[in-house]
Amino acid sequence: MSEVNAQITDAVTQTNVKVVAEAPAQAIAALYQVASHSAGMALQNAVHAQHALNQISTAVVSRAVTMIMDVGTK
């Protein structure tokens, strides 16, 4: 069996150590990114729901005012 150059094994070992050492930081960064995206989407959904309720509220108030104004004419 042929010998492997010591520089090659050292380079592979250093690369493996680097990858293993960076894995937790990469995982936490991905987790933070997903969590912040989820929070942003939740806020966008809340704003959309509030806007929809404001539109319904405007329609209800408009209809109620119309009904009040029609009371004296009937």
Protein backbone atom coordinates (compact mmCIF):
# COMPACT_ATOMS: atom_id res chain seq x y z
CA MET A 1 0.00 0.00 0.00
CA SER A 2 1.37 3.41 -0.85
CA GLU A 3 2.02 6.09 1.70
CA VAL A 4 -0.13 9.24 1.70
CA ASN A 5 1.67 12.53 1.80
CA ALA A 6 1.57 14.05 5.30
CA GLN A 7 0.65 17.47 3.89
CA ILE A 8 -2.45 16.00 2.25
CA THR A 9 -3.63 14.28 5.42
CA ASP A 10 -2.95 17.46 7.40
CA ALA A 11 -4.95 19.56 4.91
CA VAL A 12 -7.88 17.12 5.01
CA THR A 13 -7.80 17.02 8.81
CA GLN A 14 -7.74 20.81 9.09
CA THR A 15 -10.64 21.10 6.64
CA ASN A 16 -12.68 18.57 8.60
CA VAL A 17 -11.99 20.38 11.87
CA LYS A 18 -12.98 23.71 10.30
CA VAL A 19 -16.26 22.32 8.95
CA VAL A 20 -17.15 20.63 12.24
CA ALA A 21 -16.28 23.75 14.21
CA GLU A 22 -18.42 26.01 12.01
CA ALA A 23 -21.48 23.73 11.92
CA PRO A 24 -23.11 24.96 15.18
CA ALA A 25 -22.73 28.60 14.17
CA GLN A 26 -24.24 27.89 10.75
CA ALA A 27 -27.15 26.03 12.36
CA ILE A 28 -27.89 28.85 14.80
CA ALA A 29 -27.67 31.42 12.00
CA ALA A 30 -30.17 29.43 9.93
CA LEU A 31 -32.46 29.13 12.96
CA TYR A 32 -32.34 32.89 13.59
CA GLN A 33 -33.07 33.59 9.94
CA VAL A 34 -36.10 31.28 9.90
CA ALA A 35 -37.39 32.68 13.21
CA SER A 36 -37.11 36.28 12.03
CA HIS A 37 -38.82 35.42 8.74
CA SER A 38 -41.66 33.76 10.65
CA ALA A 39 -42.05 36.79 12.90
CA GLY A 40 -42.12 39.08 9.87
CA MET A 41 -44.79 36.96 8.19
CA ALA A 42 -46.86 36.98 11.38
CA LEU A 43 -46.72 40.78 11.48
CA GLN A 44 -47.67 41.01 7.81
CA ASN A 45 -50.65 38.73 8.45
CA ALA A 46 -51.73 40.87 11.40
CA VAL A 47 -51.56 44.05 9.31
CA HIS A 48 -53.54 42.40 6.51
CA ALA A 49 -56.21 41.19 8.95
CA GLN A 50 -56.49 44.64 10.51
CA HIS A 51 -56.86 46.22 7.07
CA ALA A 52 -59.61 43.74 6.14
CA LEU A 53 -61.47 44.47 9.39
CA ASN A 54 -61.19 48.21 8.77
CA GLN A 55 -62.77 47.77 5.34
CA ILE A 56 -65.64 45.74 6.82
CA SER A 57 -66.06 48.30 9.59
CA THR A 58 -66.29 51.14 7.06
CA ALA A 59 -68.96 49.26 5.12
CA VAL A 60 -70.95 48.54 8.30
CA VAL A 61 -70.81 52.16 9.48
CA SER A 62 -71.85 53.36 6.03
CA ARG A 63 -74.83 51.00 5.99
CA ALA A 64 -75.81 51.98 9.56
CA VAL A 65 -75.71 55.69 8.69
CA THR A 66 -77.86 55.02 5.63
CA MET A 67 -80.39 53.14 7.75
CA ILE A 68 -80.47 55.96 10.33
CA MET A 69 -80.98 58.57 7.61
CA ASP A 70 -83.85 56.53 6.11
CA VAL A 71 -85.77 56.32 9.41
CA GLY A 72 -87.50 59.68 9.00
CA THR A 73 -88.49 59.08 5.37
CA LYS A 74 -90.53 55.93 5.97
